[in-house]
Amino acid sequence: MRTRPLKVALLGCGVVGSEVARIMTTHAEDLAQRIGAPVELAGVAVRRPDRVRAGIDPALITTDAAALAAREDIDVAVEVIGGLEPARALITSAFEHGASVVTANKALLAEDGSTLHEAAEKHGVDLFYEAAVAAAIPLVRPLRESLAGDKVNRVLGIVNGTTNFILDRMESTGAGYSEALDEATALGYAEADPTADVEGFDAAAKAAILAGIAFHTRVRLDDVHREGLTDVTAADIASAKRMGCTVKLLAICERAEDGRSVTARVHPAMIPLSHPLASVREAYNAVFVESEAAGQLMFYGPGAGGSPTASAVLGDLVAACRNKLSGGKGPGESAYAQLPVSPMGEVVTRYHISLDVADKPGVLAQVATVFAEHGVSIDTVRQKGKEGAHDGAWLVVVTHRAPDAALSATVEALRGLDTVRGVASIMRVEGE
């Protein structure tokens, strides 16, 4: 074993960073055996140096993250600050000074991953980011390496624990969205400002990363169609149950049937209870991968939290350190395919539509005509009288697969019918 230690710069020391530092300290001997050399925490960049950080030598603490990232003796920089800046500048600086980088920064990778890959390639160093997508769940490496010889056609996943907890509570307790969000906040699953989670931004960033790896194509956050779950109601959950389905916020990345383009989207959807993702409860994550040779694979586990995320960071750290010792290099960006990313309107999917209609003869025929005019075939129709109303009814229509643009145009046309008093809910049906 080499006696000279590999030096690690820790950029950020919040929930994840402090756990990374703890594991590096308490498991130092094991890590050295796995890597082939000791690893030494050479500096920790923080914003508030006066905060007590148990187990970390105060002499390592610095507020000058730029100087730490630019040190010539750093072998690997671990970035767990998050956000676009100063994270982007720090990672780029680390590359320029010969350090490999391990990051958990999904937002930056989704926004500017290609530029970071190019910089790492230019300076002959590694960029690893297993923790950016699903914390402890091994997903990036299997897609990038284990399935490198296969053709991935679809990635379908629950990649945000907060939203899965909220939807699980709505289903299991009958709570509305607000009540379920309040519970998630009280238990620490939701941030004080939950926008990134409940509006789908977090999941969309992860979808961009997954689509890029799975389809060897550069996919940016702006390429991902995004819808949150704030409009999901208890009635939607009940409708899903009647269909033998459950509602999940899904990240869906898929190759077009002709193989010439890809799509990436995040939105609530009904999935059959028979689908493996339907049983994912609480704040857990799971990703379902469909490939030509391997078939169907599912990756499941805790997708957030200090310890799970730190586990993925340390796995990447070991890989980066081993490469430093051997003079090798891990796989870089594989965007050779450069397939175009199609807009949401070209996605072929199914709809579940709940309409508030007048309860009189001819309404169903009018509704069916609108679907036919837009080339959308109806699978099932269910009508139920409204409680306490003598002239109103609920009409629930489930369609066959059709382009999303045609389905959207159908819904807009339905809104214009005199007999349709309102479109109560619209939800896609997936996983069949």
Protein backbone atom coordinates (compact mmCIF):
# COMPACT_ATOMS: atom_id res chain seq x y z
CA MET A 1 0.00 0.00 0.00
CA ARG A 2 1.17 3.50 -0.80
CA THR A 3 1.91 5.47 2.36
CA ARG A 4 1.51 8.99 0.97
CA PRO A 5 -2.15 9.91 1.43
CA LEU A 6 -4.50 11.05 -1.30
CA LYS A 7 -5.83 14.48 -0.33
CA VAL A 8 -9.51 15.33 -0.47
CA ALA A 9 -11.11 18.78 -0.45
CA LEU A 10 -14.66 18.88 0.93
CA LEU A 11 -16.62 21.77 -0.58
CA GLY A 12 -19.66 22.14 1.66
CA CYS A 13 -20.36 20.66 5.07
CA GLY A 14 -24.11 20.54 5.52
CA VAL A 15 -26.15 17.39 6.13
CA VAL A 16 -24.40 15.41 3.39
CA GLY A 17 -20.94 16.95 3.71
CA SER A 18 -20.74 16.39 7.46
CA GLU A 19 -21.71 12.75 6.97
CA VAL A 20 -19.03 12.35 4.27
CA ALA A 21 -16.44 13.77 6.69
CA ARG A 22 -17.63 11.47 9.48
CA ILE A 23 -17.39 8.33 7.34
CA MET A 24 -13.97 9.34 6.00
CA THR A 25 -12.75 9.70 9.58
CA THR A 26 -14.36 6.69 11.23
CA HIS A 27 -13.75 4.31 8.30
CA ALA A 28 -10.33 5.66 7.37
CA GLU A 29 -8.54 2.31 7.72
CA ASP A 30 -11.13 0.41 5.66
CA LEU A 31 -11.12 3.08 2.96
CA ALA A 32 -7.33 2.93 2.77
CA GLN A 33 -7.46 -0.84 2.27
CA ARG A 34 -10.09 -0.54 -0.46
CA ILE A 35 -8.27 2.24 -2.29
CA GLY A 36 -4.67 1.11 -1.79
CA ALA A 37 -3.58 4.33 -0.05
CA PRO A 38 -4.72 6.46 2.87
CA VAL A 39 -7.19 9.26 2.16
CA GLU A 40 -6.79 12.51 4.04
CA LEU A 41 -9.33 15.29 4.48
CA ALA A 42 -7.19 18.27 3.50
CA GLY A 43 -9.73 21.05 3.95
CA VAL A 44 -13.42 21.77 4.47
CA ALA A 45 -15.02 24.84 2.89
CA VAL A 46 -18.01 26.27 4.77
CA ARG A 47 -20.02 29.48 4.89
CA ARG A 48 -20.38 29.65 8.68
CA PRO A 49 -17.05 28.79 10.33
CA ASP A 50 -18.34 29.39 13.87
CA ARG A 51 -20.70 26.40 13.77
CA VAL A 52 -19.56 23.38 15.80
CA ARG A 53 -18.83 20.40 13.55
CA ALA A 54 -18.26 17.28 15.59
CA GLY A 55 -15.37 15.09 14.49
CA ILE A 56 -13.82 17.66 12.15
CA ASP A 57 -10.52 19.30 13.06
CA PRO A 58 -11.25 23.06 13.30
CA ALA A 59 -7.90 23.69 11.61
CA LEU A 60 -9.35 22.23 8.38
CA ILE A 61 -12.24 24.68 8.24
CA THR A 62 -12.03 27.54 5.74
CA THR A 63 -14.43 30.04 4.23
CA ASP A 64 -12.25 30.39 1.13
CA ALA A 65 -13.71 27.64 -1.03
CA ALA A 66 -12.02 29.02 -4.15
CA ALA A 67 -8.56 28.74 -2.61
CA LEU A 68 -9.26 25.20 -1.40
CA ALA A 69 -10.50 24.05 -4.84
CA ALA A 70 -7.39 25.57 -6.48
CA ARG A 71 -4.81 23.86 -4.27
CA GLU A 72 -2.30 21.93 -6.36
CA ASP A 73 -2.01 19.11 -3.80
CA ILE A 74 -5.71 18.15 -3.89
CA ASP A 75 -6.37 14.81 -5.57
CA VAL A 76 -10.18 14.76 -5.35
CA ALA A 77 -12.67 17.55 -4.64
CA VAL A 78 -16.07 16.58 -3.22
CA GLU A 79 -18.70 19.23 -4.05
CA VAL A 80 -21.84 19.10 -1.92
CA ILE A 81 -22.72 22.80 -1.89
CA GLY A 82 -25.50 22.52 -4.47
CA GLY A 83 -26.88 25.16 -6.81
CA LEU A 84 -25.26 26.59 -9.92
CA GLU A 85 -22.78 29.05 -8.45
CA PRO A 86 -20.26 29.02 -6.90
CA ALA A 87 -20.38 25.24 -7.45
CA ARG A 88 -19.72 25.50 -11.19
CA ALA A 89 -16.69 27.77 -10.73
CA LEU A 90 -15.28 25.60 -7.93
CA ILE A 91 -15.61 22.37 -9.92
CA THR A 92 -14.02 23.96 -12.98
CA SER A 93 -11.16 25.29 -10.88
CA ALA A 94 -10.58 21.87 -9.33
CA PHE A 95 -10.35 20.35 -12.82
CA GLU A 96 -7.89 23.01 -13.94
CA HIS A 97 -5.64 22.22 -10.98
CA GLY A 98 -5.61 18.48 -11.63
CA ALA A 99 -8.25 17.25 -9.18
CA SER A 100 -11.02 14.80 -9.99
CA VAL A 101 -14.47 15.80 -8.77
CA VAL A 102 -17.26 13.93 -7.01
CA THR A 103 -20.53 15.86 -6.87
CA ALA A 104 -24.13 15.40 -5.79
CA ASN A 105 -25.24 18.52 -7.67
CA LYS A 106 -28.18 17.43 -9.85
CA ALA A 107 -29.21 20.99 -10.73
CA LEU A 108 -25.79 21.89 -12.12
CA LEU A 109 -25.42 18.61 -14.02
CA ALA A 110 -28.86 18.99 -15.59
CA GLU A 111 -28.12 22.59 -16.54
CA ASP A 112 -24.51 22.34 -17.71
CA GLY A 113 -23.35 18.75 -17.48
CA SER A 114 -21.85 18.67 -20.97
CA THR A 115 -19.56 21.62 -20.22
CA LEU A 116 -18.36 19.95 -17.02
CA HIS A 117 -17.69 16.68 -18.84
CA GLU A 118 -15.71 18.53 -21.49
CA ALA A 119 -13.63 20.28 -18.83
CA ALA A 120 -12.91 17.00 -17.04
CA GLU A 121 -11.91 15.38 -20.33
CA LYS A 122 -9.68 18.31 -21.24
CA HIS A 123 -7.73 18.05 -17.97
CA GLY A 124 -7.64 14.24 -17.86
CA VAL A 125 -9.58 13.87 -14.62
CA ASP A 126 -12.78 12.19 -13.46
CA LEU A 127 -16.27 13.54 -12.90
CA PHE A 128 -18.45 11.23 -10.81
CA TYR A 129 -22.03 11.93 -9.66
CA GLU A 130 -23.81 8.78 -8.48
CA ALA A 131 -25.32 10.73 -5.56
CA ALA A 132 -26.97 13.30 -7.86
CA VAL A 133 -29.87 11.09 -8.96
CA ALA A 134 -31.11 8.71 -6.28
CA ALA A 135 -28.73 8.96 -3.30
CA ALA A 136 -27.70 5.48 -2.16
CA ILE A 137 -29.42 3.66 -5.04
CA PRO A 138 -26.77 2.50 -7.55
CA LEU A 139 -28.20 3.82 -10.79
CA VAL A 140 -25.77 6.05 -12.68
CA ARG A 141 -22.99 3.47 -12.76
CA PRO A 142 -25.25 0.56 -13.89
CA LEU A 143 -26.68 2.71 -16.69
CA ARG A 144 -23.31 4.08 -17.72
CA GLU A 145 -21.24 0.90 -17.35
CA SER A 146 -23.19 -2.29 -16.67
CA LEU A 147 -25.69 -1.61 -19.47
CA ALA A 148 -23.16 0.00 -21.81
CA GLY A 149 -23.44 -2.93 -24.22
CA ASP A 150 -27.24 -2.97 -24.17
CA LYS A 151 -29.88 -0.68 -25.67
CA VAL A 152 -32.00 1.07 -23.06
CA ASN A 153 -35.46 1.96 -24.35
CA ARG A 154 -37.16 3.37 -21.27
CA VAL A 155 -36.42 4.62 -17.78
CA LEU A 156 -39.46 5.06 -15.55
CA GLY A 157 -38.97 6.12 -11.96
CA ILE A 158 -39.99 7.63 -8.66
CA VAL A 159 -37.01 9.87 -7.99
CA ASN A 160 -38.32 12.26 -5.36
CA GLY A 161 -39.05 10.98 -1.87
CA THR A 162 -41.03 14.00 -0.70
CA THR A 163 -43.65 13.73 -3.41
CA ASN A 164 -43.90 9.97 -3.05
CA PHE A 165 -44.54 10.39 0.68
CA ILE A 166 -47.27 12.97 -0.01
CA LEU A 167 -49.04 10.80 -2.58
CA ASP A 168 -48.70 7.71 -0.37
CA ARG A 169 -50.36 9.55 2.51
CA MET A 170 -53.15 10.84 0.27
CA GLU A 171 -53.86 7.26 -0.80
CA SER A 172 -53.49 5.51 2.56
CA THR A 173 -55.28 8.07 4.77
CA GLY A 174 -57.60 9.90 2.37
CA ALA A 175 -55.90 13.20 3.19
CA GLY A 176 -55.89 16.09 0.77
CA TYR A 177 -52.71 17.49 -0.75
CA SER A 178 -52.29 20.27 1.85
CA GLU A 179 -52.71 17.93 4.81
CA ALA A 180 -50.25 15.41 3.38
CA LEU A 181 -47.72 18.18 2.68
CA ASP A 182 -48.05 19.44 6.26
CA GLU A 183 -47.28 15.95 7.55
CA ALA A 184 -44.28 15.63 5.22
CA THR A 185 -42.97 18.96 6.50
CA ALA A 186 -43.45 18.01 10.14
CA LEU A 187 -41.53 14.76 9.61
CA GLY A 188 -38.68 16.52 7.81
CA TYR A 189 -39.35 15.04 4.37
CA ALA A 190 -40.34 18.41 2.89
CA GLU A 191 -38.34 21.63 3.05
CA ALA A 192 -39.81 24.84 4.45
CA ASP A 193 -40.11 25.87 0.81
CA PRO A 194 -41.13 22.63 -0.96
CA THR A 195 -41.39 24.14 -4.44
CA ALA A 196 -38.45 22.24 -5.96
CA ASP A 197 -40.03 18.96 -4.93
CA VAL A 198 -43.78 19.44 -5.36
CA GLU A 199 -43.50 21.36 -8.64
CA GLY A 200 -41.26 18.66 -10.12
CA PHE A 201 -38.03 20.66 -10.55
CA ASP A 202 -35.96 18.17 -8.53
CA ALA A 203 -37.31 15.19 -10.45
CA ALA A 204 -36.88 16.99 -13.79
CA ALA A 205 -33.17 17.57 -13.12
CA LYS A 206 -32.74 13.89 -12.36
CA ALA A 207 -34.69 12.94 -15.48
CA ALA A 208 -32.35 15.04 -17.61
CA ILE A 209 -29.33 13.25 -16.16
CA LEU A 210 -30.86 9.78 -16.57
CA ALA A 211 -31.99 10.42 -20.14
CA GLY A 212 -28.55 11.67 -21.10
CA ILE A 213 -26.85 8.55 -19.76
CA ALA A 214 -29.45 6.04 -20.95
CA PHE A 215 -29.69 7.33 -24.51
CA HIS A 216 -26.14 8.68 -25.02
CA THR A 217 -27.62 12.06 -25.81
CA ARG A 218 -27.24 15.48 -24.22
CA VAL A 219 -30.46 16.31 -22.43
CA ARG A 220 -30.79 19.59 -20.53
CA LEU A 221 -33.26 20.58 -17.87
CA ASP A 222 -35.08 22.78 -20.41
CA ASP A 223 -35.70 19.67 -22.54
CA VAL A 224 -37.72 17.99 -19.78
CA HIS A 225 -41.50 18.50 -19.70
CA ARG A 226 -42.42 19.19 -16.07
CA GLU A 227 -45.65 19.13 -14.09
CA GLY A 228 -45.94 19.05 -10.30
CA LEU A 229 -48.47 17.37 -8.05
CA THR A 230 -50.13 20.41 -6.46
CA ASP A 231 -53.30 19.86 -8.52
CA VAL A 232 -53.68 16.20 -7.57
CA THR A 233 -56.85 15.78 -5.51
CA ALA A 234 -58.34 13.13 -3.26
CA ALA A 235 -60.85 12.52 -6.07
CA ASP A 236 -57.96 11.68 -8.44
CA ILE A 237 -56.62 9.18 -5.93
CA ALA A 238 -60.09 7.63 -5.56
CA SER A 239 -60.52 7.41 -9.36
CA ALA A 240 -57.17 5.66 -9.62
CA LYS A 241 -58.25 3.12 -7.01
CA ARG A 242 -61.43 2.36 -8.95
CA MET A 243 -59.25 1.65 -12.00
CA GLY A 244 -56.95 -0.64 -10.04
CA CYS A 245 -54.23 2.02 -10.12
CA THR A 246 -52.27 4.32 -7.85
CA VAL A 247 -50.93 7.83 -8.48
CA LYS A 248 -47.18 8.53 -8.57
CA LEU A 249 -45.06 11.47 -9.66
CA LEU A 250 -42.99 9.82 -12.37
CA ALA A 251 -39.84 10.72 -14.25
CA ILE A 252 -40.16 9.08 -17.67
CA CYS A 253 -37.34 8.96 -20.21
CA GLU A 254 -37.99 6.96 -23.36
CA ARG A 255 -36.74 6.30 -26.83
CA ALA A 256 -39.26 6.85 -29.64
CA GLU A 257 -40.63 3.73 -31.29
CA ASP A 258 -38.66 4.47 -34.45
CA GLY A 259 -35.49 5.03 -32.36
CA ARG A 260 -34.84 8.43 -33.92
CA SER A 261 -35.60 10.67 -30.95
CA VAL A 262 -36.04 10.63 -27.18
CA THR A 263 -38.34 12.30 -24.68
CA ALA A 264 -38.00 13.18 -21.01
CA ARG A 265 -40.89 14.22 -18.79
CA VAL A 266 -42.02 14.50 -15.19
CA HIS A 267 -45.69 14.51 -14.17
CA PRO A 268 -48.24 12.73 -11.97
CA ALA A 269 -49.61 9.56 -13.53
CA MET A 270 -51.82 6.61 -12.74
CA ILE A 271 -50.01 3.27 -12.85
CA PRO A 272 -51.55 -0.20 -12.38
CA LEU A 273 -51.21 -1.77 -8.94
CA SER A 274 -49.57 -4.72 -10.71
CA HIS A 275 -46.59 -2.55 -11.74
CA PRO A 276 -43.54 -2.87 -9.43
CA LEU A 277 -43.42 0.92 -8.91
CA ALA A 278 -46.94 0.91 -7.46
CA SER A 279 -45.71 -0.71 -4.24
CA VAL A 280 -43.05 1.94 -3.54
CA ARG A 281 -44.21 3.65 -0.35
CA GLU A 282 -43.24 6.44 2.02
CA ALA A 283 -40.19 8.49 0.94
CA TYR A 284 -38.50 5.69 -0.97
CA ASN A 285 -37.31 5.94 -4.57
CA ALA A 286 -37.34 3.32 -7.31
CA VAL A 287 -36.36 3.33 -10.97
CA PHE A 288 -37.57 0.82 -13.54
CA VAL A 289 -35.31 0.30 -16.56
CA GLU A 290 -36.35 -1.45 -19.76
CA SER A 291 -33.60 -2.57 -22.13
CA GLU A 292 -33.46 -4.89 -25.12
CA ALA A 293 -31.13 -7.61 -23.83
CA ALA A 294 -31.40 -7.36 -20.03
CA GLY A 295 -35.15 -6.86 -20.10
CA GLN A 296 -36.76 -5.20 -17.08
CA LEU A 297 -34.65 -4.11 -14.10
CA MET A 298 -35.68 -2.23 -10.97
CA PHE A 299 -33.47 -0.26 -8.58
CA TYR A 300 -34.99 0.52 -5.17
CA GLY A 301 -33.95 2.20 -1.94
CA PRO A 302 -33.71 5.44 0.05
CA GLY A 303 -33.30 8.25 -2.44
CA ALA A 304 -32.42 11.11 -0.09
CA GLY A 305 -30.95 11.91 3.31
CA GLY A 306 -27.49 12.53 4.69
CA SER A 307 -26.31 8.96 5.17
CA PRO A 308 -27.68 7.45 1.92
CA THR A 309 -26.33 10.33 -0.16
CA ALA A 310 -22.97 10.19 1.62
CA SER A 311 -22.80 6.47 0.84
CA ALA A 312 -23.00 7.22 -2.89
CA VAL A 313 -20.47 10.06 -2.57
CA LEU A 314 -18.00 7.77 -0.82
CA GLY A 315 -18.44 5.11 -3.50
CA ASP A 316 -17.48 7.67 -6.13
CA LEU A 317 -14.63 8.92 -3.96
CA VAL A 318 -13.16 5.41 -3.78
CA ALA A 319 -13.41 5.06 -7.57
CA ALA A 320 -11.79 8.46 -8.19
CA CYS A 321 -8.96 7.71 -5.74
CA ARG A 322 -8.28 4.31 -7.30
CA ASN A 323 -8.01 5.96 -10.70
CA LYS A 324 -5.58 8.52 -9.30
CA LEU A 325 -3.36 5.70 -8.06
CA SER A 326 -3.52 3.64 -11.24
CA GLY A 327 -3.27 6.55 -13.63
CA GLY A 328 -6.53 5.41 -15.19
CA LYS A 329 -9.74 7.27 -15.82
CA GLY A 330 -13.38 6.44 -15.48
CA PRO A 331 -15.92 6.69 -18.31
CA GLY A 332 -16.69 10.22 -19.42
CA GLU A 333 -19.75 11.56 -21.16
CA SER A 334 -21.06 9.20 -23.84
CA ALA A 335 -23.21 11.48 -25.98
CA TYR A 336 -22.28 9.97 -29.31
CA ALA A 337 -25.90 9.38 -30.38
CA GLN A 338 -27.01 13.01 -30.10
CA LEU A 339 -30.64 12.10 -30.71
CA PRO A 340 -33.07 15.00 -30.84
CA VAL A 341 -35.33 15.52 -27.82
CA SER A 342 -38.94 15.59 -28.98
CA PRO A 343 -41.51 17.94 -27.43
CA MET A 344 -44.20 16.66 -25.08
CA GLY A 345 -46.84 16.90 -27.80
CA GLU A 346 -45.25 14.00 -29.67
CA VAL A 347 -45.29 11.66 -26.67
CA VAL A 348 -47.77 8.82 -27.11
CA THR A 349 -49.67 8.16 -23.90
CA ARG A 350 -53.15 7.62 -22.39
CA TYR A 351 -55.42 10.00 -20.50
CA HIS A 352 -57.86 9.69 -17.62
CA ILE A 353 -60.29 12.63 -17.86
CA SER A 354 -63.02 13.49 -15.36
CA LEU A 355 -65.75 15.80 -16.68
CA ASP A 356 -68.54 17.63 -14.87
CA VAL A 357 -71.41 17.37 -17.37
CA ALA A 358 -75.10 18.07 -17.66
CA ASP A 359 -77.13 14.95 -16.92
CA LYS A 360 -79.28 14.78 -20.03
CA PRO A 361 -79.57 12.72 -23.22
CA GLY A 362 -76.97 13.27 -25.94
CA VAL A 363 -74.10 14.39 -23.70
CA LEU A 364 -72.09 11.21 -24.16
CA ALA A 365 -72.54 11.36 -27.92
CA GLN A 366 -71.27 14.96 -28.00
CA VAL A 367 -68.23 14.04 -25.92
CA ALA A 368 -67.48 10.99 -28.05
CA THR A 369 -67.69 13.11 -31.20
CA VAL A 370 -65.04 15.50 -29.89
CA PHE A 371 -62.67 12.60 -29.21
CA ALA A 372 -63.28 11.19 -32.70
CA GLU A 373 -62.68 14.57 -34.35
CA HIS A 374 -59.23 14.72 -32.77
CA GLY A 375 -58.31 11.14 -33.62
CA VAL A 376 -58.37 9.91 -30.02
CA SER A 377 -59.92 6.52 -29.36
CA ILE A 378 -61.90 5.95 -26.15
CA ASP A 379 -61.13 2.87 -24.07
CA THR A 380 -63.71 3.11 -21.27
CA VAL A 381 -66.45 5.50 -20.14
CA ARG A 382 -68.07 5.65 -16.71
CA GLN A 383 -70.92 7.99 -15.73
CA LYS A 384 -72.11 8.67 -12.20
CA GLY A 385 -74.72 11.09 -10.93
CA LYS A 386 -73.53 13.90 -8.67
CA GLU A 387 -74.67 13.65 -5.08
CA GLY A 388 -77.18 16.36 -4.20
CA ALA A 389 -77.59 17.45 -7.82
CA HIS A 390 -80.51 16.51 -10.09
CA ASP A 391 -79.13 17.78 -13.37
CA GLY A 392 -75.42 17.02 -13.17
CA ALA A 393 -73.16 13.99 -13.52
CA TRP A 394 -69.53 12.94 -13.53
CA LEU A 395 -68.29 11.48 -16.77
CA VAL A 396 -64.94 9.67 -16.59
CA VAL A 397 -63.22 8.82 -19.87
CA VAL A 398 -60.07 6.72 -20.26
CA THR A 399 -58.46 6.86 -23.69
CA HIS A 400 -56.32 4.56 -25.75
CA ARG A 401 -52.77 5.68 -26.58
CA ALA A 402 -52.52 8.82 -28.67
CA PRO A 403 -50.12 11.74 -29.15
CA ASP A 404 -50.21 14.06 -26.17
CA ALA A 405 -50.91 17.04 -28.43
CA ALA A 406 -54.07 15.37 -29.73
CA LEU A 407 -55.18 14.60 -26.19
CA SER A 408 -54.56 18.18 -25.07
CA ALA A 409 -56.50 19.54 -28.05
CA THR A 410 -59.36 17.17 -27.20
CA VAL A 411 -59.54 18.48 -23.65
CA GLU A 412 -59.60 22.09 -24.87
CA ALA A 413 -62.44 21.28 -27.26
CA LEU A 414 -64.37 19.57 -24.46
CA ARG A 415 -64.13 22.75 -22.40
CA GLY A 416 -65.99 24.54 -25.17
CA LEU A 417 -69.06 22.27 -25.09
CA ASP A 418 -72.17 23.77 -23.50
CA THR A 419 -72.90 20.43 -21.85
CA VAL A 420 -69.48 20.25 -20.20
CA ARG A 421 -69.52 22.40 -17.07
CA GLY A 422 -65.91 21.78 -16.22
CA VAL A 423 -62.90 19.49 -16.61
CA ALA A 424 -62.40 18.29 -13.05
CA SER A 425 -59.13 16.45 -13.59
CA ILE A 426 -56.73 15.23 -16.27
CA MET A 427 -54.12 12.59 -15.61
CA ARG A 428 -51.97 10.42 -17.80
CA VAL A 429 -51.98 6.65 -17.45
CA GLU A 430 -48.58 4.92 -17.60
CA GLY A 431 -46.86 1.63 -16.91
CA GLU A 432 -49.16 -0.70 -18.79
